Amino acid sequence: MKRASLLTLTLIGAFSAIQAAWAVDYPLPPTGSRLVGQNQTYTVQEGDKNLQAIARRFDTAAMLILEANNTIAPVPKPGTTITIPSQLLLPDAPRQGIIVNLAELRLYYYPPGENIVQVYPIGIGLQGLETPVMETRVGQKIPNPTWTPTAGIRQRSLERGIKLPPVVPAGPNNPLGRYALRLAHGNGEYLIHGTSAPDSVGLRVSSGCIRMNAPDIKALFSSVADGNAGESDQRTGEIFRGTERDALC
């Protein structure tokens, strides 16, 4: 598998030390080591609406917090102390580009020329509409995207009593958010994009696309260039299913 020029899109997990706004930057460990970060504890406050809100504060996924806390409720009571799973193993793959671990709902980005990795929570495809395993590249950067729902998406929405228009214009109600990265896989139907439903990040709820929190996709969008590559397979590295559990819109 060729990796030299890949902007790796692999779904695994990593968390470390430097948190600014939403993105979490981890200094890369020495060669031969994949361990980064330290687990944290957090005491639930009165204003914490739900676990998704807490997860966004730490730029992680609610599902991962649930897995790290066997008895925690989806809406934990104020005063509850919970573990934030922020000690992780980096993907067993070249440290370059974008790597996505579908099993762990995480995206890793290795900025060129920097000794760090940036880790983001993501939302992915629901059962039956899974985000595919792939080796690909960023084919197009789209600011303020419009959304043209497929016939299948429109039919599934109708079955839930929701009639979608043929095209949803750019704006605050657009399901793609303000930024989208079109992947070159297939006919270009898969995107990494923002979302108008932030509670969906960290869940398997999309039609196959990869969703990110608004500040995260903005940061990633500004960092990558058209033509950057990513790959994904059943093992480790790139966009892959991921079996490790270490620690279209």
Protein backbone atom coordinates (compact mmCIF):
# COMPACT_ATOMS: atom_id res chain seq x y z
CA MET A 1 0.00 0.00 0.00
CA LYS A 2 1.49 3.33 -1.03
CA ARG A 3 1.64 5.84 1.80
CA ALA A 4 4.32 8.36 0.84
CA SER A 5 2.05 11.22 -0.21
CA LEU A 6 -1.03 10.32 1.79
CA LEU A 7 -2.97 12.74 3.90
CA THR A 8 -4.09 9.86 6.05
CA LEU A 9 -7.75 9.69 7.07
CA THR A 10 -7.82 6.97 9.75
CA LEU A 11 -10.30 6.49 12.57
CA ILE A 12 -8.52 5.63 15.84
CA GLY A 13 -7.95 7.61 19.00
CA ALA A 14 -5.45 9.95 20.58
CA PHE A 15 -5.58 12.56 23.29
CA SER A 16 -2.83 14.53 24.99
CA ALA A 17 -1.94 17.72 26.66
CA ILE A 18 -2.58 20.98 24.84
CA GLN A 19 -6.19 22.13 24.51
CA ALA A 20 -7.04 25.42 22.82
CA ALA A 21 -10.66 26.22 22.07
CA TRP A 22 -11.84 22.90 20.61
CA ALA A 23 -8.88 21.22 18.93
CA VAL A 24 -6.65 19.04 21.08
CA ASP A 25 -2.97 18.97 20.13
CA TYR A 26 -0.73 16.20 21.42
CA PRO A 27 3.06 16.24 21.25
CA LEU A 28 4.15 13.16 19.33
CA PRO A 29 5.73 10.43 21.46
CA PRO A 30 9.20 9.06 20.69
CA THR A 31 9.66 6.55 17.88
CA GLY A 32 8.49 3.15 19.05
CA SER A 33 5.83 4.57 21.38
CA ARG A 34 2.19 5.29 20.55
CA LEU A 35 0.91 6.33 23.97
CA VAL A 36 -0.20 9.95 24.38
CA GLY A 37 -2.19 11.93 26.93
CA GLN A 38 -3.55 11.25 30.38
CA ASN A 39 -7.06 10.44 31.53
CA GLN A 40 -8.86 13.29 33.27
CA THR A 41 -11.69 13.56 35.76
CA TYR A 42 -14.55 16.04 35.63
CA THR A 43 -17.30 16.88 38.11
CA VAL A 44 -20.67 17.43 36.43
CA GLN A 45 -21.98 20.98 36.92
CA GLU A 46 -25.55 22.29 37.22
CA GLY A 47 -25.45 23.80 33.74
CA ASP A 48 -24.29 20.66 31.94
CA LYS A 49 -27.22 19.80 29.67
CA ASN A 50 -26.16 16.27 28.76
CA LEU A 51 -23.17 14.05 28.10
CA GLN A 52 -22.79 15.40 24.57
CA ALA A 53 -22.25 18.90 25.95
CA ILE A 54 -19.58 17.61 28.32
CA ALA A 55 -17.95 15.68 25.48
CA ARG A 56 -17.77 18.83 23.33
CA ARG A 57 -16.04 20.65 26.18
CA PHE A 58 -13.23 18.10 26.03
CA ASP A 59 -13.48 17.61 22.25
CA THR A 60 -14.25 13.93 22.57
CA ALA A 61 -17.26 11.68 21.93
CA ALA A 62 -20.07 10.99 24.38
CA MET A 63 -19.93 7.31 23.44
CA LEU A 64 -16.29 7.13 24.51
CA ILE A 65 -17.11 8.75 27.86
CA LEU A 66 -19.90 6.21 28.37
CA GLU A 67 -17.47 3.37 27.65
CA ALA A 68 -14.97 4.76 30.16
CA ASN A 69 -17.64 5.06 32.89
CA ASN A 70 -19.60 1.84 33.24
CA THR A 71 -22.40 3.25 35.40
CA ILE A 72 -22.79 6.81 34.11
CA ALA A 73 -26.19 7.95 32.83
CA PRO A 74 -26.61 9.79 29.48
CA VAL A 75 -27.65 12.82 31.56
CA PRO A 76 -25.43 12.54 34.67
CA LYS A 77 -26.51 14.28 37.85
CA PRO A 78 -24.63 17.39 39.04
CA GLY A 79 -21.83 16.42 41.38
CA THR A 80 -21.10 13.16 39.58
CA THR A 81 -17.39 12.62 38.94
CA ILE A 82 -16.66 11.09 35.56
CA THR A 83 -13.55 9.92 33.75
CA ILE A 84 -12.63 11.64 30.49
CA PRO A 85 -10.77 9.04 28.37
CA SER A 86 -7.92 11.25 27.20
CA GLN A 87 -5.06 8.73 27.28
CA LEU A 88 -4.89 7.01 23.92
CA LEU A 89 -2.75 5.05 21.51
CA LEU A 90 -1.93 6.66 18.20
CA PRO A 91 -2.82 4.69 15.07
CA ASP A 92 -0.24 2.10 14.06
CA ALA A 93 0.32 3.92 10.77
CA PRO A 94 2.66 6.54 9.28
CA ARG A 95 2.35 9.80 11.19
CA GLN A 96 1.23 11.98 8.32
CA GLY A 97 -1.94 13.42 6.90
CA ILE A 98 -5.39 12.46 8.14
CA ILE A 99 -6.13 9.12 9.81
CA VAL A 100 -9.64 8.02 10.76
CA ASN A 101 -10.55 5.14 13.09
CA LEU A 102 -14.21 4.35 12.51
CA ALA A 103 -14.44 2.08 15.56
CA GLU A 104 -13.34 4.84 17.91
CA LEU A 105 -15.05 7.77 16.18
CA ARG A 106 -11.85 9.80 15.98
CA LEU A 107 -9.95 11.66 13.30
CA TYR A 108 -6.21 12.34 13.58
CA TYR A 109 -4.43 15.05 11.65
CA TYR A 110 -0.63 15.32 11.51
CA PRO A 111 0.26 18.88 10.42
CA PRO A 112 3.27 18.78 8.08
CA GLY A 113 6.50 19.97 9.65
CA GLU A 114 5.10 19.92 13.20
CA ASN A 115 5.80 17.39 15.94
CA ILE A 116 2.15 17.15 17.01
CA VAL A 117 -1.06 15.32 16.23
CA GLN A 118 -4.49 16.94 16.37
CA VAL A 119 -7.35 14.67 17.46
CA TYR A 120 -11.03 15.29 16.76
CA PRO A 121 -14.27 13.44 17.57
CA ILE A 122 -16.44 12.60 14.58
CA GLY A 123 -19.86 11.26 13.67
CA ILE A 124 -20.05 8.50 11.05
CA GLY A 125 -22.52 6.39 9.08
CA LEU A 126 -25.31 4.54 10.81
CA GLN A 127 -25.83 0.79 10.52
CA GLY A 128 -26.63 -0.12 6.93
CA LEU A 129 -25.15 3.16 5.67
CA GLU A 130 -21.67 2.75 7.13
CA THR A 131 -18.82 5.09 6.27
CA PRO A 132 -16.78 2.98 3.84
CA VAL A 133 -13.23 1.82 4.34
CA MET A 134 -11.11 3.56 1.73
CA GLU A 135 -7.81 4.96 0.56
CA THR A 136 -8.47 8.37 -0.91
CA ARG A 137 -7.58 12.04 -0.98
CA VAL A 138 -9.26 15.40 -0.46
CA GLY A 139 -10.62 16.18 -3.90
CA GLN A 140 -12.29 19.53 -3.20
CA LYS A 141 -12.59 22.12 -0.44
CA ILE A 142 -16.07 23.67 -0.28
CA PRO A 143 -16.77 26.73 1.88
CA ASN A 144 -20.45 27.46 2.59
CA PRO A 145 -21.65 24.27 0.87
CA THR A 146 -25.16 23.65 -0.36
CA TRP A 147 -26.65 20.21 0.25
CA THR A 148 -28.38 18.15 -2.42
CA PRO A 149 -29.92 15.17 -0.60
CA THR A 150 -29.91 11.93 -2.55
CA ALA A 151 -33.13 10.19 -3.52
CA GLY A 152 -32.49 7.62 -0.81
CA ILE A 153 -32.04 10.26 1.88
CA ARG A 154 -35.19 12.06 0.77
CA GLN A 155 -37.17 8.82 0.86
CA ARG A 156 -35.93 7.90 4.34
CA SER A 157 -36.82 11.39 5.54
CA LEU A 158 -40.32 11.09 4.07
CA GLU A 159 -40.79 7.86 6.01
CA ARG A 160 -40.13 9.89 9.16
CA GLY A 161 -42.59 12.57 8.07
CA ILE A 162 -39.95 15.04 6.90
CA LYS A 163 -40.08 16.39 3.34
CA LEU A 164 -36.67 17.62 2.23
CA PRO A 165 -36.24 20.18 -0.56
CA PRO A 166 -34.19 19.19 -3.63
CA VAL A 167 -31.42 21.56 -2.49
CA VAL A 168 -30.70 23.05 0.93
CA PRO A 169 -28.89 26.40 0.56
CA ALA A 170 -25.85 27.40 2.56
CA GLY A 171 -26.68 28.81 5.96
CA PRO A 172 -27.14 27.96 9.64
CA ASN A 173 -29.72 25.24 8.90
CA ASN A 174 -27.61 23.44 6.32
CA PRO A 175 -26.74 19.92 7.58
CA LEU A 176 -23.23 20.26 6.12
CA GLY A 177 -22.33 23.26 8.24
CA ARG A 178 -20.03 25.99 6.91
CA TYR A 179 -17.20 23.84 5.57
CA ALA A 180 -16.91 20.57 3.65
CA LEU A 181 -14.03 18.48 2.32
CA ARG A 182 -15.12 16.30 -0.59
CA LEU A 183 -13.28 12.98 -0.73
CA ALA A 184 -12.22 11.64 -4.13
CA HIS A 185 -13.50 8.14 -3.31
CA GLY A 186 -16.20 6.81 -5.66
CA ASN A 187 -18.20 9.59 -7.27
CA GLY A 188 -17.25 12.12 -4.61
CA GLU A 189 -20.39 11.47 -2.56
CA TYR A 190 -18.55 11.27 0.77
CA LEU A 191 -17.63 14.41 2.68
CA ILE A 192 -15.95 15.46 5.88
CA HIS A 193 -18.12 18.35 6.98
CA GLY A 194 -19.63 20.37 9.79
CA THR A 195 -23.16 19.88 11.05
CA SER A 196 -26.23 21.78 12.19
CA ALA A 197 -26.78 19.04 14.80
CA PRO A 198 -23.72 19.14 17.10
CA ASP A 199 -25.10 16.41 19.39
CA SER A 200 -24.68 13.97 16.48
CA VAL A 201 -20.88 14.22 16.62
CA GLY A 202 -19.57 11.13 18.39
CA LEU A 203 -22.45 8.97 17.14
CA ARG A 204 -23.17 6.65 14.21
CA VAL A 205 -26.03 8.60 12.68
CA SER A 206 -25.02 9.88 9.22
CA SER A 207 -25.68 8.48 5.75
CA GLY A 208 -21.96 7.73 5.39
CA CYS A 209 -20.28 11.12 5.61
CA ILE A 210 -17.99 12.16 8.47
CA ARG A 211 -19.34 14.92 10.72
CA MET A 212 -17.25 17.26 12.86
CA ASN A 213 -17.93 20.02 15.38
CA ALA A 214 -17.99 23.48 13.80
CA PRO A 215 -14.68 24.74 15.28
CA ASP A 216 -12.99 21.45 14.37
CA ILE A 217 -13.95 21.36 10.70
CA LYS A 218 -13.03 25.04 10.41
CA ALA A 219 -9.54 24.29 11.74
CA LEU A 220 -9.09 21.20 9.57
CA PHE A 221 -10.45 22.97 6.49
CA SER A 222 -7.90 25.76 6.88
CA SER A 223 -5.04 23.28 7.31
CA VAL A 224 -5.46 20.84 4.42
CA ALA A 225 -5.06 21.44 0.70
CA ASP A 226 -6.88 19.94 -2.28
CA GLY A 227 -5.26 16.71 -3.39
CA ASN A 228 -4.19 15.58 0.07
CA ALA A 229 -4.76 11.86 0.38
CA GLY A 230 -6.28 9.55 2.89
CA GLU A 231 -6.75 5.84 3.05
CA SER A 232 -8.75 3.35 5.00
CA ASP A 233 -8.66 -0.38 5.50
CA GLN A 234 -9.69 -3.17 7.86
CA ARG A 235 -6.45 -3.06 9.83
CA THR A 236 -4.81 0.08 11.09
CA GLY A 237 -4.16 3.31 9.30
CA GLU A 238 -6.14 5.60 7.08
CA ILE A 239 -10.05 5.37 6.94
CA PHE A 240 -10.59 1.93 8.47
CA ARG A 241 -13.04 0.00 10.58
CA GLY A 242 -10.64 -0.31 13.48
CA THR A 243 -10.71 -3.18 15.92
CA GLU A 244 -8.46 -1.61 18.54
CA ARG A 245 -10.18 -0.21 21.61
CA ASP A 246 -7.05 1.09 23.29
CA ALA A 247 -7.40 2.65 26.79
CA LEU A 248 -23.59 11.36 3.51
CA CYS A 249 -24.33 13.75 6.03
